[in-house]
Each structure stands twice: as structure tokens, then as C-alpha cells.
PDB file of N, CA and C in Angstrom:
ATOM      1  N   UNK A   1     -10.606   3.869 -38.382  1.00  0.00           N
ATOM      2  CA  UNK A   1      -9.353   3.471 -37.748  1.00  0.00           C
ATOM      3  C   UNK A   1      -9.220   1.965 -37.843  1.00  0.00           C
ATOM      4  N   UNK A   2      -8.077   1.534 -38.268  1.00  0.00           N
ATOM      5  CA  UNK A   2      -7.814   0.112 -38.404  1.00  0.00           C
ATOM      6  C   UNK A   2      -7.618  -0.519 -37.029  1.00  0.00           C
ATOM      7  N   UNK A   3      -8.157  -1.706 -36.855  1.00  0.00           N
ATOM      8  CA  UNK A   3      -7.998  -2.452 -35.615  1.00  0.00           C
ATOM      9  C   UNK A   3      -7.189  -3.703 -35.935  1.00  0.00           C
ATOM     10  N   UNK A   4      -6.194  -3.986 -35.147  1.00  0.00           N
ATOM     11  CA  UNK A   4      -5.392  -5.196 -35.328  1.00  0.00           C
ATOM     12  C   UNK A   4      -5.994  -6.308 -34.482  1.00  0.00           C
ATOM     13  N   UNK A   5      -6.099  -7.506 -35.077  1.00  0.00           N
ATOM     14  CA  UNK A   5      -6.699  -8.650 -34.389  1.00  0.00           C
ATOM     15  C   UNK A   5      -5.746  -9.838 -34.433  1.00  0.00           C
ATOM     16  N   UNK A   6      -5.814 -10.652 -33.398  1.00  0.00           N
ATOM     17  CA  UNK A   6      -4.956 -11.826 -33.292  1.00  0.00           C
ATOM     18  C   UNK A   6      -5.715 -12.909 -32.532  1.00  0.00           C
ATOM     19  N   UNK A   7      -5.372 -14.163 -32.795  1.00  0.00           N
ATOM     20  CA  UNK A   7      -5.995 -15.305 -32.126  1.00  0.00           C
ATOM     21  C   UNK A   7      -4.894 -16.184 -31.559  1.00  0.00           C
ATOM     22  N   UNK A   8      -5.119 -16.718 -30.366  1.00  0.00           N
ATOM     23  CA  UNK A   8      -4.202 -17.695 -29.794  1.00  0.00           C
ATOM     24  C   UNK A   8      -5.018 -18.800 -29.139  1.00  0.00           C
ATOM     25  N   UNK A   9      -4.466 -19.987 -29.109  1.00  0.00           N
ATOM     26  CA  UNK A   9      -5.126 -21.122 -28.459  1.00  0.00           C
ATOM     27  C   UNK A   9      -4.141 -21.756 -27.483  1.00  0.00           C
ATOM     28  N   UNK A  10      -4.635 -22.072 -26.310  1.00  0.00           N
ATOM     29  CA  UNK A  10      -3.824 -22.689 -25.260  1.00  0.00           C
ATOM     30  C   UNK A  10      -4.416 -24.042 -24.894  1.00  0.00           C
ATOM     31  N   UNK A  11      -3.603 -24.955 -24.375  1.00  0.00           N
ATOM     32  CA  UNK A  11      -4.134 -26.256 -23.958  1.00  0.00           C
ATOM     33  C   UNK A  11      -4.871 -26.199 -22.615  1.00  0.00           C
ATOM     34  N   UNK A  12      -4.919 -25.016 -22.020  1.00  0.00           N
ATOM     35  CA  UNK A  12      -5.589 -24.809 -20.729  1.00  0.00           C
ATOM     36  C   UNK A  12      -6.202 -23.416 -20.723  1.00  0.00           C
ATOM     37  N   UNK A  13      -7.222 -23.210 -19.922  1.00  0.00           N
ATOM     38  CA  UNK A  13      -7.861 -21.894 -19.837  1.00  0.00           C
ATOM     39  C   UNK A  13      -7.047 -21.013 -18.886  1.00  0.00           C
ATOM     40  N   UNK A  14      -6.437 -19.961 -19.417  1.00  0.00           N
ATOM     41  CA  UNK A  14      -5.606 -19.085 -18.592  1.00  0.00           C
ATOM     42  C   UNK A  14      -5.589 -17.694 -19.222  1.00  0.00           C
ATOM     43  N   UNK A  15      -6.429 -16.799 -18.718  1.00  0.00           N
ATOM     44  CA  UNK A  15      -6.591 -15.465 -19.294  1.00  0.00           C
ATOM     45  C   UNK A  15      -5.299 -14.661 -19.264  1.00  0.00           C
ATOM     46  N   UNK A  16      -4.549 -14.729 -18.167  1.00  0.00           N
ATOM     47  CA  UNK A  16      -3.314 -13.942 -18.060  1.00  0.00           C
ATOM     48  C   UNK A  16      -2.294 -14.367 -19.120  1.00  0.00           C
ATOM     49  N   UNK A  17      -2.105 -15.658 -19.279  1.00  0.00           N
ATOM     50  CA  UNK A  17      -1.160 -16.162 -20.286  1.00  0.00           C
ATOM     51  C   UNK A  17      -1.615 -15.779 -21.692  1.00  0.00           C
ATOM     52  N   UNK A  18      -2.908 -15.910 -21.959  1.00  0.00           N
ATOM     53  CA  UNK A  18      -3.436 -15.550 -23.273  1.00  0.00           C
ATOM     54  C   UNK A  18      -3.257 -14.054 -23.540  1.00  0.00           C
ATOM     55  N   UNK A  19      -3.532 -13.223 -22.544  1.00  0.00           N
ATOM     56  CA  UNK A  19      -3.381 -11.778 -22.702  1.00  0.00           C
ATOM     57  C   UNK A  19      -1.934 -11.407 -23.000  1.00  0.00           C
ATOM     58  N   UNK A  20      -1.003 -12.026 -22.285  1.00  0.00           N
ATOM     59  CA  UNK A  20       0.414 -11.749 -22.516  1.00  0.00           C
ATOM     60  C   UNK A  20       0.837 -12.157 -23.922  1.00  0.00           C
ATOM     61  N   UNK A  21       0.388 -13.327 -24.356  1.00  0.00           N
ATOM     62  CA  UNK A  21       0.727 -13.811 -25.693  1.00  0.00           C
ATOM     63  C   UNK A  21       0.139 -12.896 -26.763  1.00  0.00           C
ATOM     64  N   UNK A  22      -1.110 -12.488 -26.586  1.00  0.00           N
ATOM     65  CA  UNK A  22      -1.760 -11.609 -27.560  1.00  0.00           C
ATOM     66  C   UNK A  22      -1.104 -10.232 -27.597  1.00  0.00           C
ATOM     67  N   UNK A  23      -0.744  -9.686 -26.448  1.00  0.00           N
ATOM     68  CA  UNK A  23      -0.061  -8.380 -26.408  1.00  0.00           C
ATOM     69  C   UNK A  23       1.251  -8.426 -27.182  1.00  0.00           C
ATOM     70  N   UNK A  24       2.040  -9.479 -26.915  1.00  0.00           N
ATOM     71  CA  UNK A  24       3.324  -9.634 -27.592  1.00  0.00           C
ATOM     72  C   UNK A  24       3.129  -9.725 -29.101  1.00  0.00           C
ATOM     73  N   UNK A  25       2.188 -10.553 -29.511  1.00  0.00           N
ATOM     74  CA  UNK A  25       1.945 -10.784 -30.928  1.00  0.00           C
ATOM     75  C   UNK A  25       1.417  -9.530 -31.634  1.00  0.00           C
ATOM     76  N   UNK A  26       0.455  -8.858 -31.013  1.00  0.00           N
ATOM     77  CA  UNK A  26      -0.107  -7.637 -31.610  1.00  0.00           C
ATOM     78  C   UNK A  26       0.936  -6.526 -31.675  1.00  0.00           C
ATOM     79  N   UNK A  27       1.707  -6.361 -30.617  1.00  0.00           N
ATOM     80  CA  UNK A  27       2.760  -5.342 -30.600  1.00  0.00           C
ATOM     81  C   UNK A  27       3.798  -5.589 -31.679  1.00  0.00           C
ATOM     82  N   UNK A  28       4.174  -6.855 -31.866  1.00  0.00           N
ATOM     83  CA  UNK A  28       5.161  -7.214 -32.884  1.00  0.00           C
ATOM     84  C   UNK A  28       4.608  -6.948 -34.288  1.00  0.00           C
ATOM     85  N   UNK A  29       3.340  -7.306 -34.522  1.00  0.00           N
ATOM     86  CA  UNK A  29       2.735  -7.066 -35.847  1.00  0.00           C
ATOM     87  C   UNK A  29       2.690  -5.589 -36.177  1.00  0.00           C
ATOM     88  N   UNK A  30       2.320  -4.771 -35.201  1.00  0.00           N
ATOM     89  CA  UNK A  30       2.242  -3.326 -35.444  1.00  0.00           C
ATOM     90  C   UNK A  30       3.627  -2.740 -35.678  1.00  0.00           C
ATOM     91  N   UNK A  31       4.613  -3.243 -34.962  1.00  0.00           N
ATOM     92  CA  UNK A  31       5.992  -2.792 -35.166  1.00  0.00           C
ATOM     93  C   UNK A  31       6.462  -3.173 -36.567  1.00  0.00           C
ATOM     94  N   UNK A  32       6.171  -4.414 -36.988  1.00  0.00           N
ATOM     95  CA  UNK A  32       6.550  -4.868 -38.330  1.00  0.00           C
ATOM     96  C   UNK A  32       5.853  -4.058 -39.413  1.00  0.00           C
ATOM     97  N   UNK A  33       4.611  -3.625 -39.157  1.00  0.00           N
ATOM     98  CA  UNK A  33       3.866  -2.819 -40.128  1.00  0.00           C
ATOM     99  C   UNK A  33       4.281  -1.349 -40.108  1.00  0.00           C
ATOM    100  N   UNK A  34       5.146  -0.976 -39.161  1.00  0.00           N
ATOM    101  CA  UNK A  34       5.626   0.400 -39.088  1.00  0.00           C
ATOM    102  C   UNK A  34       4.566   1.387 -38.625  1.00  0.00           C
ATOM    103  N   UNK A  35       3.687   0.942 -37.729  1.00  0.00           N
ATOM    104  CA  UNK A  35       2.625   1.819 -37.228  1.00  0.00           C
ATOM    105  C   UNK A  35       3.253   2.895 -36.343  1.00  0.00           C
ATOM    106  N   UNK A  36       3.096   4.175 -36.705  1.00  0.00           N
ATOM    107  CA  UNK A  36       3.688   5.235 -35.881  1.00  0.00           C
ATOM    108  C   UNK A  36       2.983   5.324 -34.532  1.00  0.00           C
ATOM    109  N   UNK A  37       3.735   5.387 -33.471  1.00  0.00           N
ATOM    110  CA  UNK A  37       3.156   5.486 -32.135  1.00  0.00           C
ATOM    111  C   UNK A  37       2.855   4.146 -31.501  1.00  0.00           C
ATOM    112  N   UNK A  38       2.785   3.082 -32.291  1.00  0.00           N
ATOM    113  CA  UNK A  38       2.532   1.752 -31.758  1.00  0.00           C
ATOM    114  C   UNK A  38       1.100   1.560 -31.298  1.00  0.00           C
ATOM    115  N   UNK A  39       0.864   0.514 -30.510  1.00  0.00           N
ATOM    116  CA  UNK A  39      -0.496   0.209 -30.074  1.00  0.00           C
ATOM    117  C   UNK A  39      -0.980   1.123 -28.954  1.00  0.00           C
ATOM    118  N   UNK A  40      -2.268   1.384 -28.937  1.00  0.00           N
ATOM    119  CA  UNK A  40      -2.917   2.110 -27.841  1.00  0.00           C
ATOM    120  C   UNK A  40      -3.496   1.049 -26.913  1.00  0.00           C
ATOM    121  N   UNK A  41      -2.755   0.702 -25.871  1.00  0.00           N
ATOM    122  CA  UNK A  41      -3.149  -0.416 -25.006  1.00  0.00           C
ATOM    123  C   UNK A  41      -4.440  -0.153 -24.237  1.00  0.00           C
ATOM    124  N   UNK A  42      -4.906   1.086 -24.201  1.00  0.00           N
ATOM    125  CA  UNK A  42      -6.192   1.340 -23.544  1.00  0.00           C
ATOM    126  C   UNK A  42      -7.358   0.768 -24.363  1.00  0.00           C
ATOM    127  N   UNK A  43      -7.110   0.427 -25.640  1.00  0.00           N
ATOM    128  CA  UNK A  43      -8.144  -0.165 -26.485  1.00  0.00           C
ATOM    129  C   UNK A  43      -8.009  -1.680 -26.591  1.00  0.00           C
ATOM    130  N   UNK A  44      -7.061  -2.261 -25.874  1.00  0.00           N
ATOM    131  CA  UNK A  44      -6.803  -3.708 -25.927  1.00  0.00           C
ATOM    132  C   UNK A  44      -7.975  -4.473 -25.324  1.00  0.00           C
ATOM    133  N   UNK A  45      -8.501  -5.437 -26.082  1.00  0.00           N
ATOM    134  CA  UNK A  45      -9.613  -6.265 -25.626  1.00  0.00           C
ATOM    135  C   UNK A  45      -9.298  -7.729 -25.877  1.00  0.00           C
ATOM    136  N   UNK A  46      -9.704  -8.585 -24.933  1.00  0.00           N
ATOM    137  CA  UNK A  46      -9.542 -10.032 -25.071  1.00  0.00           C
ATOM    138  C   UNK A  46     -10.906 -10.679 -24.879  1.00  0.00           C
ATOM    139  N   UNK A  47     -11.241 -11.593 -25.771  1.00  0.00           N
ATOM    140  CA  UNK A  47     -12.490 -12.337 -25.689  1.00  0.00           C
ATOM    141  C   UNK A  47     -12.137 -13.814 -25.596  1.00  0.00           C
ATOM    142  N   UNK A  48     -12.767 -14.512 -24.684  1.00  0.00           N
ATOM    143  CA  UNK A  48     -12.537 -15.951 -24.555  1.00  0.00           C
ATOM    144  C   UNK A  48     -12.469 -16.344 -23.103  1.00  0.00           C
ATOM    145  N   UNK A  49     -12.302 -17.586 -22.838  1.00  0.00           N
ATOM    146  CA  UNK A  49     -11.950 -18.660 -23.756  1.00  0.00           C
ATOM    147  C   UNK A  49     -13.176 -19.289 -24.420  1.00  0.00           C
ATOM    148  N   UNK A  50     -12.917 -19.821 -25.616  1.00  0.00           N
ATOM    149  CA  UNK A  50     -13.898 -20.620 -26.348  1.00  0.00           C
ATOM    150  C   UNK A  50     -13.244 -21.971 -26.592  1.00  0.00           C
ATOM    151  N   UNK A  51     -13.940 -23.042 -26.238  1.00  0.00           N
ATOM    152  CA  UNK A  51     -13.377 -24.373 -26.448  1.00  0.00           C
ATOM    153  C   UNK A  51     -13.413 -24.725 -27.930  1.00  0.00           C
ATOM    154  N   UNK A  52     -12.257 -25.144 -28.457  1.00  0.00           N
ATOM    155  CA  UNK A  52     -12.122 -25.588 -29.846  1.00  0.00           C
ATOM    156  C   UNK A  52     -11.283 -26.861 -29.838  1.00  0.00           C
ATOM    157  N   UNK A  53     -11.244 -27.548 -30.967  1.00  0.00           N
ATOM    158  CA  UNK A  53     -10.384 -28.718 -31.096  1.00  0.00           C
ATOM    159  C   UNK A  53      -9.139 -28.335 -31.880  1.00  0.00           C
ATOM    160  N   UNK A  54      -7.973 -28.767 -31.398  1.00  0.00           N
ATOM    161  CA  UNK A  54      -6.741 -28.500 -32.132  1.00  0.00           C
ATOM    162  C   UNK A  54      -6.548 -29.540 -33.233  1.00  0.00           C
ATOM    163  N   UNK A  55      -5.427 -29.492 -33.942  1.00  0.00           N
ATOM    164  CA  UNK A  55      -5.164 -30.403 -35.066  1.00  0.00           C
ATOM    165  C   UNK A  55      -5.121 -31.866 -34.625  1.00  0.00           C
ATOM    166  N   UNK A  56      -4.721 -32.119 -33.386  1.00  0.00           N
ATOM    167  CA  UNK A  56      -4.626 -33.496 -32.882  1.00  0.00           C
ATOM    168  C   UNK A  56      -5.956 -33.993 -32.318  1.00  0.00           C
ATOM    169  N   UNK A  57      -6.965 -33.131 -32.287  1.00  0.00           N
ATOM    170  CA  UNK A  57      -8.270 -33.544 -31.779  1.00  0.00           C
ATOM    171  C   UNK A  57      -8.477 -33.290 -30.295  1.00  0.00           C
ATOM    172  N   UNK A  58      -7.523 -32.628 -29.656  1.00  0.00           N
ATOM    173  CA  UNK A  58      -7.649 -32.303 -28.238  1.00  0.00           C
ATOM    174  C   UNK A  58      -8.355 -30.965 -28.063  1.00  0.00           C
ATOM    175  N   UNK A  59      -8.976 -30.785 -26.915  1.00  0.00           N
ATOM    176  CA  UNK A  59      -9.629 -29.512 -26.627  1.00  0.00           C
ATOM    177  C   UNK A  59      -8.572 -28.454 -26.345  1.00  0.00           C
ATOM    178  N   UNK A  60      -8.749 -27.295 -26.964  1.00  0.00           N
ATOM    179  CA  UNK A  60      -7.890 -26.136 -26.713  1.00  0.00           C
ATOM    180  C   UNK A  60      -8.805 -24.963 -26.374  1.00  0.00           C
ATOM    181  N   UNK A  61      -8.235 -23.955 -25.768  1.00  0.00           N
ATOM    182  CA  UNK A  61      -8.996 -22.772 -25.350  1.00  0.00           C
ATOM    183  C   UNK A  61      -8.518 -21.587 -26.167  1.00  0.00           C
ATOM    184  N   UNK A  62      -9.418 -21.093 -26.998  1.00  0.00           N
ATOM    185  CA  UNK A  62      -9.071 -20.020 -27.940  1.00  0.00           C
ATOM    186  C   UNK A  62      -9.446 -18.658 -27.372  1.00  0.00           C
ATOM    187  N   UNK A  63      -8.526 -17.718 -27.531  1.00  0.00           N
ATOM    188  CA  UNK A  63      -8.734 -16.329 -27.114  1.00  0.00           C
ATOM    189  C   UNK A  63      -8.512 -15.437 -28.320  1.00  0.00           C
ATOM    190  N   UNK A  64      -9.307 -14.388 -28.432  1.00  0.00           N
ATOM    191  CA  UNK A  64      -9.162 -13.415 -29.517  1.00  0.00           C
ATOM    192  C   UNK A  64      -8.846 -12.052 -28.895  1.00  0.00           C
ATOM    193  N   UNK A  65      -7.858 -11.396 -29.460  1.00  0.00           N
ATOM    194  CA  UNK A  65      -7.470 -10.085 -28.954  1.00  0.00           C
ATOM    195  C   UNK A  65      -7.492  -9.046 -30.059  1.00  0.00           C
ATOM    196  N   UNK A  66      -7.734  -7.798 -29.679  1.00  0.00           N
ATOM    197  CA  UNK A  66      -7.705  -6.697 -30.640  1.00  0.00           C
ATOM    198  C   UNK A  66      -7.163  -5.444 -29.960  1.00  0.00           C
ATOM    199  N   UNK A  67      -6.569  -4.586 -30.776  1.00  0.00           N
ATOM    200  CA  UNK A  67      -6.044  -3.314 -30.291  1.00  0.00           C
ATOM    201  C   UNK A  67      -6.030  -2.332 -31.461  1.00  0.00           C
ATOM    202  N   UNK A  68      -6.200  -1.066 -31.156  1.00  0.00           N
ATOM    203  CA  UNK A  68      -6.150  -0.013 -32.168  1.00  0.00           C
ATOM    204  C   UNK A  68      -4.807   0.695 -32.095  1.00  0.00           C
ATOM    205  N   UNK A  69      -4.361   1.264 -33.219  1.00  0.00           N
ATOM    206  CA  UNK A  69      -3.118   2.045 -33.190  1.00  0.00           C
ATOM    207  C   UNK A  69      -3.303   3.324 -32.376  1.00  0.00           C
ATOM    208  N   UNK A  70      -2.206   3.785 -31.809  1.00  0.00           N
ATOM    209  CA  UNK A  70      -2.229   5.041 -31.068  1.00  0.00           C
ATOM    210  C   UNK A  70      -2.468   6.188 -32.037  1.00  0.00           C
ATOM    211  N   UNK A  71      -3.348   7.081 -31.659  1.00  0.00           N
ATOM    212  CA  UNK A  71      -3.646   8.257 -32.499  1.00  0.00           C
ATOM    213  C   UNK A  71      -2.641   9.357 -32.180  1.00  0.00           C
ATOM    214  N   UNK A  72      -2.104   9.982 -33.198  1.00  0.00           N
ATOM    215  CA  UNK A  72      -1.179  11.083 -32.916  1.00  0.00           C
ATOM    216  C   UNK A  72      -1.929  12.246 -32.270  1.00  0.00           C
ATOM    217  N   UNK A  73      -1.267  12.927 -31.358  1.00  0.00           N
ATOM    218  CA  UNK A  73      -1.875  14.079 -30.693  1.00  0.00           C
ATOM    219  C   UNK A  73      -2.083  15.188 -31.711  1.00  0.00           C
ATOM    220  N   UNK A  74      -3.227  15.847 -31.668  1.00  0.00           N
ATOM    221  CA  UNK A  74      -3.449  16.940 -32.624  1.00  0.00           C
ATOM    222  C   UNK A  74      -2.498  18.096 -32.347  1.00  0.00           C
ATOM    223  N   UNK A  75      -2.067  18.731 -33.411  1.00  0.00           N
ATOM    224  CA  UNK A  75      -1.187  19.890 -33.267  1.00  0.00           C
ATOM    225  C   UNK A  75      -2.013  21.089 -32.829  1.00  0.00           C
ATOM    226  N   UNK A  76      -1.439  21.950 -32.029  1.00  0.00           N
ATOM    227  CA  UNK A  76      -2.198  23.126 -31.599  1.00  0.00           C
ATOM    228  C   UNK A  76      -2.498  24.042 -32.791  1.00  0.00           C
ATOM    229  N   UNK A  77      -3.615  24.702 -32.718  1.00  0.00           N
ATOM    230  CA  UNK A  77      -4.016  25.619 -33.784  1.00  0.00           C
ATOM    231  C   UNK A  77      -3.354  26.972 -33.517  1.00  0.00           C
ATOM    232  N   UNK A  78      -2.301  27.266 -34.248  1.00  0.00           N
ATOM    233  CA  UNK A  78      -1.517  28.487 -34.017  1.00  0.00           C
ATOM    234  C   UNK A  78      -2.335  29.732 -34.305  1.00  0.00           C
ATOM    235  N   UNK A  79      -3.174  29.700 -35.314  1.00  0.00           N
ATOM    236  CA  UNK A  79      -3.967  30.879 -35.677  1.00  0.00           C
ATOM    237  C   UNK A  79      -4.920  31.288 -34.561  1.00  0.00           C
ATOM    238  N   UNK A  80      -5.561  30.309 -33.928  1.00  0.00           N
ATOM    239  CA  UNK A  80      -6.513  30.662 -32.879  1.00  0.00           C
ATOM    240  C   UNK A  80      -5.779  31.208 -31.648  1.00  0.00           C
ATOM    241  N   UNK A  81      -4.559  30.748 -31.400  1.00  0.00           N
ATOM    242  CA  UNK A  81      -3.798  31.256 -30.267  1.00  0.00           C
ATOM    243  C   UNK A  81      -3.306  32.668 -30.537  1.00  0.00           C
ATOM    244  N   UNK A  82      -2.940  32.971 -31.784  1.00  0.00           N
ATOM    245  CA  UNK A  82      -2.432  34.300 -32.124  1.00  0.00           C
ATOM    246  C   UNK A  82      -3.554  35.349 -32.046  1.00  0.00           C
ATOM    247  N   UNK A  83      -4.780  34.961 -32.369  1.00  0.00           N
ATOM    248  CA  UNK A  83      -5.894  35.901 -32.351  1.00  0.00           C
ATOM    249  C   UNK A  83      -6.394  36.195 -30.962  1.00  0.00           C
ATOM    250  N   UNK A  84      -6.075  35.340 -29.975  1.00  0.00           N
ATOM    251  CA  UNK A  84      -6.599  35.549 -28.617  1.00  0.00           C
ATOM    252  C   UNK A  84      -5.737  36.487 -27.797  1.00  0.00           C
ATOM    253  N   UNK A  85      -4.563  36.874 -28.291  1.00  0.00           N
ATOM    254  CA  UNK A  85      -3.676  37.747 -27.530  1.00  0.00           C
ATOM    255  C   UNK A  85      -4.032  39.197 -27.663  1.00  0.00           C
TER     256      UNK A  85
END
């Protein structure tokens, strides 16, 4: 199963803001890729913050997020239901 990953960096450590940004970004990427069913948010994970330097040389707080696509529900097995009657 393919896992979608995204990275964001903020000028301050804030897990809620990072999670919201990552959710929006991951959801948009999956929608653009035409993933049927969209993201399975029960598999959403955020790691961070990790201190990094941005392009200007200032400290930024990097968060990494991942989510898996929603799995389609299996279709019922009609043959096994017909034999049990």
C-alpha cells in the first residue's frame, strides 16, 4: 500500500498548526492524484518537531506527516451466502 508523505516547517514549534497544514496538503495531493476514497485519517502520523535552518539561516521547526489511502470495503462473497441457505 502506498503511503503519502509531506513535510512542513514552521518558524515556531506548534504541533496543532503543523498537523492542520499537513492534513490539508496530504488531502489535496491525494485528491489531485485521484485516489479513490481519499485518505484514511486513522493512519495519519506526524513526527516532529526537528530543528532545522531555513534558507535565511533562521531556526525552523520541521514536521513530517504521512497517511495511507482508504482501502475499499471488500465485496461480500455471494457464493458463500447462497450455499448457507
